[in-house]
């Protein structure tokens, strides 16, 4: 009778187990990094969408107003910039700047109004805008981004003509 030698037990060595653990750790680390990047991108997109919503609300409010109201800095300050626009509550440290400039007009002076921390300020005023036939509206929204911690600015530009939508 022939006795066969016992077969060797196959197993993993310490080096193989270490390599497998490191590979799994690298995979999980890259997965978490990708997740953080995706969350930052979603937050940035949400902030940009909110800023666009603010700009759209503000310009639409101007389009509904009549010419005497649009060209009057006091009216704009008291009736449009008196409260946050829809979507502004989702932005940190939001500030707005409205600039009304004559479009192909006789004057070059602009009206500028700013709103920051709930406080309105008429920076410059051109009373002659009432006599112009069109104004260029530049509305800027600046806010602090959550992801980077810096300030981001978005703006929209529109041309409003005398005798527009809300003509009386």
N, C-alpha and C. Protein backbone atom coordinates (compact mmCIF):
# COMPACT_ATOMS: atom_id res chain seq x y z
N UNK A 1 0.81 -1.14 0.00
CA UNK A 1 0.00 0.00 0.00
C UNK A 1 0.87 1.24 0.00
N UNK A 2 0.42 2.16 -0.81
CA UNK A 2 1.19 3.37 -1.00
C UNK A 2 0.50 4.52 -0.28
N UNK A 3 1.23 5.23 0.52
CA UNK A 3 0.67 6.38 1.25
C UNK A 3 1.12 7.65 0.52
N UNK A 4 0.13 8.47 0.19
CA UNK A 4 0.46 9.73 -0.49
C UNK A 4 0.72 10.82 0.54
N UNK A 5 1.65 11.66 0.20
CA UNK A 5 1.92 12.74 1.16
C UNK A 5 0.73 13.69 1.26
N UNK A 6 0.52 14.26 2.41
CA UNK A 6 -0.63 15.17 2.56
C UNK A 6 -0.50 16.36 1.60
N UNK A 7 -1.62 16.77 0.99
CA UNK A 7 -1.59 17.90 0.06
C UNK A 7 -1.47 19.20 0.83
N UNK A 8 -0.82 20.15 0.23
CA UNK A 8 -0.63 21.43 0.92
C UNK A 8 -1.94 22.21 0.88
N UNK A 9 -2.20 22.90 1.94
CA UNK A 9 -3.40 23.73 2.03
C UNK A 9 -3.14 25.03 1.28
N UNK A 10 -4.02 25.39 0.36
CA UNK A 10 -3.86 26.65 -0.36
C UNK A 10 -4.55 27.75 0.44
N UNK A 11 -3.92 28.90 0.59
CA UNK A 11 -4.46 30.03 1.34
C UNK A 11 -3.84 31.31 0.85
N UNK A 12 -4.22 32.37 1.49
CA UNK A 12 -3.66 33.65 1.10
C UNK A 12 -2.56 34.04 2.07
N UNK A 13 -1.59 34.64 1.52
CA UNK A 13 -0.49 35.09 2.36
C UNK A 13 -0.80 36.49 2.88
N UNK A 14 0.01 36.94 3.78
CA UNK A 14 -0.16 38.26 4.37
C UNK A 14 0.00 39.35 3.31
N UNK A 15 0.89 39.18 2.38
CA UNK A 15 1.12 40.16 1.33
C UNK A 15 -0.10 40.26 0.41
N UNK A 16 -0.68 39.15 0.05
CA UNK A 16 -1.86 39.17 -0.80
C UNK A 16 -3.03 39.86 -0.11
N UNK A 17 -3.21 39.55 1.19
CA UNK A 17 -4.30 40.17 1.96
C UNK A 17 -4.09 41.68 2.08
N UNK A 18 -2.85 42.11 2.25
CA UNK A 18 -2.54 43.54 2.35
C UNK A 18 -2.84 44.24 1.03
N UNK A 19 -2.46 43.62 -0.07
CA UNK A 19 -2.72 44.21 -1.40
C UNK A 19 -4.22 44.31 -1.65
N UNK A 20 -4.98 43.30 -1.28
CA UNK A 20 -6.43 43.32 -1.45
C UNK A 20 -7.07 44.42 -0.60
N UNK A 21 -6.59 44.59 0.62
CA UNK A 21 -7.12 45.62 1.51
C UNK A 21 -6.81 47.02 0.96
N UNK A 22 -5.60 47.22 0.46
CA UNK A 22 -5.22 48.52 -0.11
C UNK A 22 -6.03 48.83 -1.36
N UNK A 23 -6.28 47.83 -2.18
CA UNK A 23 -7.09 48.03 -3.37
C UNK A 23 -8.52 48.43 -3.00
N UNK A 24 -9.08 47.75 -2.01
CA UNK A 24 -10.44 48.10 -1.56
C UNK A 24 -10.47 49.51 -0.96
N UNK A 25 -9.43 49.89 -0.20
CA UNK A 25 -9.38 51.22 0.40
C UNK A 25 -9.26 52.30 -0.68
N UNK A 26 -8.46 52.06 -1.70
CA UNK A 26 -8.33 53.02 -2.80
C UNK A 26 -9.66 53.18 -3.55
N UNK A 27 -10.35 52.07 -3.77
CA UNK A 27 -11.64 52.13 -4.44
C UNK A 27 -12.64 52.94 -3.63
N UNK A 28 -12.73 52.65 -2.33
CA UNK A 28 -13.67 53.38 -1.48
C UNK A 28 -13.30 54.86 -1.37
N UNK A 29 -12.01 55.16 -1.27
CA UNK A 29 -11.56 56.55 -1.20
C UNK A 29 -11.93 57.32 -2.46
N UNK A 30 -11.72 56.71 -3.63
CA UNK A 30 -12.08 57.39 -4.88
C UNK A 30 -13.58 57.54 -5.01
N UNK A 31 -14.34 56.58 -4.51
CA UNK A 31 -15.80 56.66 -4.53
C UNK A 31 -16.29 57.82 -3.67
N UNK A 32 -15.74 58.00 -2.47
CA UNK A 32 -16.12 59.10 -1.59
C UNK A 32 -15.72 60.45 -2.19
N UNK A 33 -14.56 60.51 -2.82
CA UNK A 33 -14.11 61.76 -3.47
C UNK A 33 -15.04 62.12 -4.62
N UNK A 34 -15.43 61.13 -5.42
CA UNK A 34 -16.36 61.38 -6.51
C UNK A 34 -17.71 61.86 -5.99
N UNK A 35 -18.16 61.28 -4.89
CA UNK A 35 -19.43 61.68 -4.29
C UNK A 35 -19.36 63.13 -3.81
N UNK A 36 -18.27 63.53 -3.17
CA UNK A 36 -18.13 64.91 -2.70
C UNK A 36 -18.11 65.88 -3.88
N UNK A 37 -17.43 65.52 -4.95
CA UNK A 37 -17.39 66.38 -6.14
C UNK A 37 -18.77 66.52 -6.76
N UNK A 38 -19.51 65.43 -6.81
CA UNK A 38 -20.86 65.48 -7.36
C UNK A 38 -21.77 66.33 -6.50
N UNK A 39 -21.66 66.22 -5.19
CA UNK A 39 -22.48 67.04 -4.28
C UNK A 39 -22.13 68.53 -4.43
N UNK A 40 -20.87 68.84 -4.60
CA UNK A 40 -20.45 70.23 -4.81
C UNK A 40 -21.02 70.77 -6.12
N UNK A 41 -21.01 69.94 -7.16
CA UNK A 41 -21.57 70.35 -8.45
C UNK A 41 -23.07 70.58 -8.35
N UNK A 42 -23.76 69.73 -7.61
CA UNK A 42 -25.21 69.91 -7.41
C UNK A 42 -25.48 71.20 -6.65
N UNK A 43 -24.71 71.49 -5.61
CA UNK A 43 -24.89 72.71 -4.82
C UNK A 43 -24.64 73.94 -5.68
N UNK A 44 -23.59 73.91 -6.51
CA UNK A 44 -23.28 75.03 -7.39
C UNK A 44 -24.40 75.24 -8.41
N UNK A 45 -24.92 74.16 -8.96
CA UNK A 45 -26.02 74.26 -9.93
C UNK A 45 -27.28 74.80 -9.27
N UNK A 46 -27.55 74.39 -8.04
CA UNK A 46 -28.73 74.88 -7.31
C UNK A 46 -28.60 76.37 -7.05
N UNK A 47 -27.41 76.83 -6.65
CA UNK A 47 -27.19 78.25 -6.41
C UNK A 47 -27.33 79.06 -7.71
N UNK A 48 -26.77 78.55 -8.80
CA UNK A 48 -26.88 79.24 -10.08
C UNK A 48 -28.33 79.32 -10.54
N UNK A 49 -29.08 78.26 -10.31
CA UNK A 49 -30.50 78.25 -10.66
C UNK A 49 -31.27 79.27 -9.83
N UNK A 50 -30.97 79.35 -8.55
CA UNK A 50 -31.64 80.33 -7.69
C UNK A 50 -31.30 81.75 -8.12
N UNK A 51 -30.04 82.01 -8.46
CA UNK A 51 -29.64 83.34 -8.92
C UNK A 51 -30.35 83.69 -10.22
N UNK A 52 -30.48 82.74 -11.12
CA UNK A 52 -31.20 82.97 -12.38
C UNK A 52 -32.67 83.27 -12.12
N UNK A 53 -33.24 82.58 -11.14
CA UNK A 53 -34.64 82.82 -10.78
C UNK A 53 -34.81 84.24 -10.24
N UNK A 54 -33.88 84.69 -9.40
CA UNK A 54 -33.92 86.05 -8.87
C UNK A 54 -33.88 87.06 -10.01
N UNK A 55 -32.95 86.86 -10.93
CA UNK A 55 -32.81 87.79 -12.05
C UNK A 55 -34.07 87.82 -12.91
N UNK A 56 -34.62 86.66 -13.18
CA UNK A 56 -35.83 86.59 -14.00
C UNK A 56 -37.00 87.29 -13.31
N UNK A 57 -37.16 87.07 -12.01
CA UNK A 57 -38.24 87.72 -11.26
C UNK A 57 -38.11 89.23 -11.30
N UNK A 58 -36.89 89.72 -11.11
CA UNK A 58 -36.67 91.17 -11.08
C UNK A 58 -36.94 91.80 -12.44
N UNK A 59 -36.47 91.21 -13.51
CA UNK A 59 -36.68 91.79 -14.84
C UNK A 59 -38.15 91.72 -15.22
N UNK A 60 -38.83 90.64 -14.88
CA UNK A 60 -40.26 90.53 -15.17
C UNK A 60 -41.05 91.60 -14.41
N UNK A 61 -40.64 91.89 -13.18
CA UNK A 61 -41.30 92.95 -12.41
C UNK A 61 -41.12 94.30 -13.09
N UNK A 62 -39.93 94.54 -13.64
CA UNK A 62 -39.70 95.79 -14.38
C UNK A 62 -40.54 95.83 -15.65
N UNK A 63 -40.67 94.72 -16.32
CA UNK A 63 -41.44 94.70 -17.57
C UNK A 63 -42.91 95.00 -17.33
N UNK A 64 -43.42 94.65 -16.18
CA UNK A 64 -44.83 94.91 -15.86
C UNK A 64 -45.05 96.38 -15.50
N UNK A 65 -44.04 97.02 -14.95
CA UNK A 65 -44.17 98.42 -14.52
C UNK A 65 -44.30 99.35 -15.73
N UNK A 66 -44.87 100.54 -15.49
CA UNK A 66 -44.97 101.50 -16.59
C UNK A 66 -43.70 102.34 -16.66
N UNK A 67 -43.59 103.16 -17.69
CA UNK A 67 -42.36 103.90 -17.96
C UNK A 67 -41.99 104.87 -16.84
N UNK A 68 -42.99 105.55 -16.28
CA UNK A 68 -42.71 106.49 -15.18
C UNK A 68 -42.14 105.75 -13.97
N UNK A 69 -42.61 104.55 -13.73
CA UNK A 69 -42.12 103.78 -12.59
C UNK A 69 -40.72 103.23 -12.84
N UNK A 70 -40.48 102.72 -14.04
CA UNK A 70 -39.17 102.14 -14.36
C UNK A 70 -38.06 103.17 -14.23
N UNK A 71 -38.33 104.38 -14.69
CA UNK A 71 -37.29 105.42 -14.71
C UNK A 71 -37.18 106.19 -13.41
N UNK A 72 -38.00 105.86 -12.41
CA UNK A 72 -37.99 106.55 -11.12
C UNK A 72 -37.26 105.67 -10.09
N UNK A 73 -36.07 106.09 -9.68
CA UNK A 73 -35.26 105.29 -8.75
C UNK A 73 -35.97 105.10 -7.41
N UNK A 74 -36.70 106.11 -6.96
CA UNK A 74 -37.41 105.99 -5.67
C UNK A 74 -38.50 104.93 -5.75
N UNK A 75 -39.23 104.87 -6.87
CA UNK A 75 -40.28 103.87 -7.01
C UNK A 75 -39.67 102.47 -7.07
N UNK A 76 -38.61 102.32 -7.84
CA UNK A 76 -37.96 101.01 -7.96
C UNK A 76 -37.47 100.54 -6.60
N UNK A 77 -36.87 101.46 -5.84
CA UNK A 77 -36.36 101.12 -4.51
C UNK A 77 -37.48 100.71 -3.57
N UNK A 78 -38.58 101.46 -3.59
CA UNK A 78 -39.68 101.21 -2.65
C UNK A 78 -40.57 100.04 -3.04
N UNK A 79 -40.66 99.72 -4.34
CA UNK A 79 -41.63 98.72 -4.76
C UNK A 79 -41.04 97.44 -5.33
N UNK A 80 -39.83 97.47 -5.83
CA UNK A 80 -39.23 96.26 -6.39
C UNK A 80 -38.15 95.73 -5.46
N UNK A 81 -37.27 96.60 -5.03
CA UNK A 81 -36.15 96.18 -4.18
C UNK A 81 -36.49 96.22 -2.69
N UNK A 82 -37.76 96.34 -2.35
CA UNK A 82 -38.15 96.41 -0.95
C UNK A 82 -38.13 95.05 -0.25
N UNK A 83 -38.05 93.97 -1.01
CA UNK A 83 -38.03 92.62 -0.42
C UNK A 83 -37.20 91.71 -1.31
N UNK A 84 -36.80 90.57 -0.77
CA UNK A 84 -36.05 89.59 -1.54
C UNK A 84 -36.94 89.01 -2.64
N UNK A 85 -36.34 88.73 -3.76
CA UNK A 85 -37.06 88.06 -4.85
C UNK A 85 -37.18 86.58 -4.53
N UNK A 86 -38.10 85.92 -5.21
CA UNK A 86 -38.26 84.48 -5.04
C UNK A 86 -36.96 83.78 -5.40
N UNK A 87 -36.50 82.90 -4.53
CA UNK A 87 -35.26 82.18 -4.76
C UNK A 87 -34.05 82.77 -4.05
N UNK A 88 -34.16 84.02 -3.60
CA UNK A 88 -33.02 84.67 -2.94
C UNK A 88 -32.72 84.06 -1.58
N UNK A 89 -33.72 83.43 -0.97
CA UNK A 89 -33.50 82.82 0.34
C UNK A 89 -32.58 81.60 0.28
N UNK A 90 -32.36 81.07 -0.91
CA UNK A 90 -31.46 79.93 -1.06
C UNK A 90 -30.02 80.34 -1.32
N UNK A 91 -29.76 81.65 -1.38
CA UNK A 91 -28.42 82.17 -1.63
C UNK A 91 -27.86 82.81 -0.37
N UNK A 92 -26.57 82.62 -0.15
CA UNK A 92 -25.90 83.21 1.00
C UNK A 92 -25.29 84.56 0.63
N UNK A 93 -25.49 85.56 1.48
CA UNK A 93 -24.86 86.86 1.27
C UNK A 93 -25.22 87.50 -0.05
N UNK A 94 -26.50 87.44 -0.41
CA UNK A 94 -26.92 87.94 -1.72
C UNK A 94 -26.96 89.47 -1.74
N UNK A 95 -26.48 90.04 -2.83
CA UNK A 95 -26.59 91.48 -3.06
C UNK A 95 -26.95 91.69 -4.53
N UNK A 96 -27.72 92.75 -4.79
CA UNK A 96 -28.19 93.03 -6.14
C UNK A 96 -27.79 94.44 -6.55
N UNK A 97 -27.54 94.61 -7.82
CA UNK A 97 -27.25 95.93 -8.38
C UNK A 97 -28.03 96.09 -9.67
N UNK A 98 -28.80 97.16 -9.75
CA UNK A 98 -29.59 97.48 -10.93
C UNK A 98 -29.00 98.74 -11.56
N UNK A 99 -28.71 98.67 -12.85
CA UNK A 99 -28.21 99.83 -13.58
C UNK A 99 -29.12 100.08 -14.77
N UNK A 100 -29.67 101.29 -14.84
CA UNK A 100 -30.51 101.71 -15.95
C UNK A 100 -29.74 102.76 -16.74
N UNK A 101 -29.45 102.46 -18.00
CA UNK A 101 -28.68 103.34 -18.87
C UNK A 101 -29.53 103.68 -20.09
N UNK A 102 -29.51 104.93 -20.54
CA UNK A 102 -30.25 105.26 -21.77
C UNK A 102 -29.74 104.42 -22.94
N UNK A 103 -30.66 103.92 -23.73
CA UNK A 103 -30.31 103.10 -24.88
C UNK A 103 -30.50 103.95 -26.13
N UNK A 104 -29.41 104.25 -26.82
CA UNK A 104 -29.44 105.15 -27.99
C UNK A 104 -30.13 106.45 -27.65
N UNK A 105 -29.81 106.99 -26.48
CA UNK A 105 -30.48 108.19 -26.01
C UNK A 105 -29.63 109.44 -26.12
N UNK A 106 -30.17 110.50 -25.55
CA UNK A 106 -29.50 111.79 -25.60
C UNK A 106 -28.59 112.01 -24.40
N UNK A 107 -28.81 111.27 -23.33
CA UNK A 107 -27.95 111.39 -22.14
C UNK A 107 -27.12 110.14 -21.98
N UNK A 108 -26.08 110.26 -21.20
CA UNK A 108 -25.21 109.09 -20.96
C UNK A 108 -25.17 108.69 -19.50
N UNK A 109 -25.74 109.49 -18.63
CA UNK A 109 -25.73 109.20 -17.20
C UNK A 109 -26.70 108.05 -16.90
N UNK A 110 -26.32 107.21 -15.97
CA UNK A 110 -27.16 106.07 -15.63
C UNK A 110 -27.71 106.20 -14.22
N UNK A 111 -28.74 105.43 -13.96
CA UNK A 111 -29.28 105.29 -12.61
C UNK A 111 -28.81 103.95 -12.07
N UNK A 112 -28.25 103.96 -10.87
CA UNK A 112 -27.77 102.71 -10.27
C UNK A 112 -28.32 102.59 -8.86
N UNK A 113 -28.90 101.43 -8.59
CA UNK A 113 -29.48 101.14 -7.28
C UNK A 113 -28.91 99.81 -6.81
N UNK A 114 -28.53 99.75 -5.54
CA UNK A 114 -28.00 98.50 -5.00
C UNK A 114 -28.80 98.07 -3.77
N UNK A 115 -28.81 96.77 -3.55
CA UNK A 115 -29.48 96.20 -2.37
C UNK A 115 -28.55 95.15 -1.79
N UNK A 116 -28.21 95.34 -0.53
CA UNK A 116 -27.35 94.38 0.16
C UNK A 116 -27.78 94.29 1.61
N UNK A 117 -27.93 93.07 2.11
CA UNK A 117 -28.37 92.83 3.48
C UNK A 117 -29.69 93.53 3.80
N UNK A 118 -30.59 93.59 2.83
CA UNK A 118 -31.90 94.19 3.04
C UNK A 118 -31.92 95.70 3.00
N UNK A 119 -30.79 96.32 2.69
CA UNK A 119 -30.69 97.79 2.68
C UNK A 119 -30.53 98.25 1.23
N UNK A 120 -31.42 99.17 0.81
CA UNK A 120 -31.37 99.72 -0.53
C UNK A 120 -30.58 101.02 -0.52
N UNK A 121 -29.88 101.25 -1.62
CA UNK A 121 -29.12 102.50 -1.74
C UNK A 121 -29.15 102.95 -3.19
N UNK A 122 -29.56 104.19 -3.40
CA UNK A 122 -29.51 104.77 -4.74
C UNK A 122 -28.12 105.35 -4.91
N UNK A 123 -27.31 104.73 -5.73
CA UNK A 123 -25.92 105.14 -5.94
C UNK A 123 -25.87 106.36 -6.85
N UNK A 124 -26.61 106.34 -7.95
CA UNK A 124 -26.69 107.48 -8.86
C UNK A 124 -28.07 107.50 -9.48
N UNK A 125 -28.52 108.70 -9.87
CA UNK A 125 -29.86 108.83 -10.41
C UNK A 125 -29.84 109.78 -11.60
N UNK A 126 -30.50 109.37 -12.67
CA UNK A 126 -30.64 110.19 -13.86
C UNK A 126 -32.12 110.45 -14.08
N UNK A 127 -32.58 111.64 -13.70
CA UNK A 127 -34.00 111.99 -13.84
C UNK A 127 -34.39 112.13 -15.31
N UNK A 128 -33.43 112.32 -16.19
CA UNK A 128 -33.72 112.48 -17.62
C UNK A 128 -34.09 111.16 -18.31
N UNK A 129 -34.01 110.04 -17.61
CA UNK A 129 -34.40 108.76 -18.21
C UNK A 129 -35.87 108.75 -18.61
N UNK A 130 -36.68 109.53 -17.93
CA UNK A 130 -38.11 109.60 -18.24
C UNK A 130 -38.34 110.08 -19.67
N UNK A 131 -37.45 110.92 -20.18
CA UNK A 131 -37.61 111.48 -21.53
C UNK A 131 -37.01 110.58 -22.62
N UNK A 132 -36.29 109.55 -22.23
CA UNK A 132 -35.67 108.64 -23.19
C UNK A 132 -36.73 107.69 -23.76
N UNK A 133 -36.41 107.07 -24.90
CA UNK A 133 -37.37 106.15 -25.50
C UNK A 133 -37.08 104.69 -25.14
N UNK A 134 -35.87 104.40 -24.65
CA UNK A 134 -35.54 103.04 -24.25
C UNK A 134 -34.40 103.08 -23.23
N UNK A 135 -34.36 102.07 -22.38
CA UNK A 135 -33.27 101.95 -21.40
C UNK A 135 -32.69 100.55 -21.47
N UNK A 136 -31.41 100.49 -21.21
CA UNK A 136 -30.72 99.21 -21.08
C UNK A 136 -30.69 98.88 -19.59
N UNK A 137 -31.21 97.72 -19.24
CA UNK A 137 -31.28 97.28 -17.85
C UNK A 137 -30.20 96.22 -17.64
N UNK A 138 -29.31 96.46 -16.70
CA UNK A 138 -28.31 95.47 -16.31
C UNK A 138 -28.56 95.15 -14.84
N UNK A 139 -28.95 93.92 -14.58
CA UNK A 139 -29.25 93.50 -13.20
C UNK A 139 -28.24 92.45 -12.81
N UNK A 140 -27.49 92.71 -11.74
CA UNK A 140 -26.47 91.77 -11.27
C UNK A 140 -26.86 91.23 -9.90
N UNK A 141 -26.58 89.96 -9.70
CA UNK A 141 -26.77 89.31 -8.41
C UNK A 141 -25.43 88.69 -8.01
N UNK A 142 -24.95 89.07 -6.84
CA UNK A 142 -23.71 88.49 -6.30
C UNK A 142 -24.06 87.71 -5.05
N UNK A 143 -23.43 86.56 -4.87
CA UNK A 143 -23.70 85.73 -3.71
C UNK A 143 -22.46 84.93 -3.35
N UNK A 144 -22.41 84.48 -2.11
CA UNK A 144 -21.31 83.67 -1.62
C UNK A 144 -21.61 82.22 -1.93
N UNK A 145 -20.68 81.56 -2.62
CA UNK A 145 -20.91 80.16 -2.97
C UNK A 145 -20.58 79.26 -1.78
N UNK A 146 -21.38 78.23 -1.62
CA UNK A 146 -21.18 77.30 -0.51
C UNK A 146 -20.00 76.38 -0.73
N UNK A 147 -19.76 76.00 -1.97
CA UNK A 147 -18.70 75.04 -2.26
C UNK A 147 -17.31 75.64 -2.15
N UNK A 148 -17.09 76.79 -2.78
CA UNK A 148 -15.76 77.38 -2.82
C UNK A 148 -15.54 78.43 -1.75
N UNK A 149 -16.62 79.04 -1.28
CA UNK A 149 -16.49 80.09 -0.29
C UNK A 149 -16.20 81.45 -0.90
N UNK A 150 -16.11 81.54 -2.23
CA UNK A 150 -15.87 82.81 -2.91
C UNK A 150 -17.18 83.46 -3.30
N UNK A 151 -17.08 84.59 -3.98
CA UNK A 151 -18.26 85.30 -4.44
C UNK A 151 -18.47 85.04 -5.93
N UNK A 152 -19.70 84.75 -6.29
CA UNK A 152 -20.07 84.52 -7.68
C UNK A 152 -21.06 85.60 -8.10
N UNK A 153 -20.92 86.08 -9.32
CA UNK A 153 -21.80 87.11 -9.84
C UNK A 153 -22.48 86.60 -11.10
N UNK A 154 -23.78 86.80 -11.18
CA UNK A 154 -24.54 86.50 -12.38
C UNK A 154 -25.28 87.77 -12.77
N UNK A 155 -25.49 87.96 -14.05
CA UNK A 155 -26.20 89.15 -14.49
C UNK A 155 -27.06 88.87 -15.70
N UNK A 156 -28.03 89.75 -15.90
CA UNK A 156 -28.86 89.69 -17.09
C UNK A 156 -28.97 91.10 -17.64
N UNK A 157 -29.16 91.18 -18.94
CA UNK A 157 -29.28 92.47 -19.62
C UNK A 157 -30.56 92.43 -20.44
N UNK A 158 -31.33 93.52 -20.36
CA UNK A 158 -32.56 93.63 -21.14
C UNK A 158 -32.69 95.06 -21.64
N UNK A 159 -33.39 95.22 -22.73
CA UNK A 159 -33.70 96.54 -23.27
C UNK A 159 -35.20 96.73 -23.10
N UNK A 160 -35.58 97.77 -22.37
CA UNK A 160 -36.99 98.09 -22.17
C UNK A 160 -37.31 99.38 -22.91
N UNK A 161 -38.37 99.37 -23.70
CA UNK A 161 -38.77 100.54 -24.46
C UNK A 161 -39.97 101.23 -23.87
N UNK A 162 -40.05 102.52 -24.12
CA UNK A 162 -41.19 103.31 -23.67
C UNK A 162 -42.43 102.80 -24.41
N UNK A 163 -43.54 102.67 -23.68
CA UNK A 163 -44.75 102.17 -24.30
C UNK A 163 -44.74 100.67 -24.39
N UNK A 164 -44.10 100.00 -23.41
CA UNK A 164 -43.99 98.55 -23.41
C UNK A 164 -45.25 97.87 -22.97
N UNK A 165 -45.12 96.75 -22.31
CA UNK A 165 -46.23 95.88 -21.95
C UNK A 165 -47.26 96.56 -21.05
N UNK A 166 -46.81 97.29 -20.03
CA UNK A 166 -47.72 97.85 -19.04
C UNK A 166 -48.01 99.34 -19.29
N UNK A 167 -48.16 99.71 -20.52
CA UNK A 167 -48.43 101.10 -20.87
C UNK A 167 -49.80 101.51 -20.37
N UNK A 168 -49.89 102.70 -19.74
CA UNK A 168 -51.20 103.18 -19.31
C UNK A 168 -51.71 104.19 -20.29
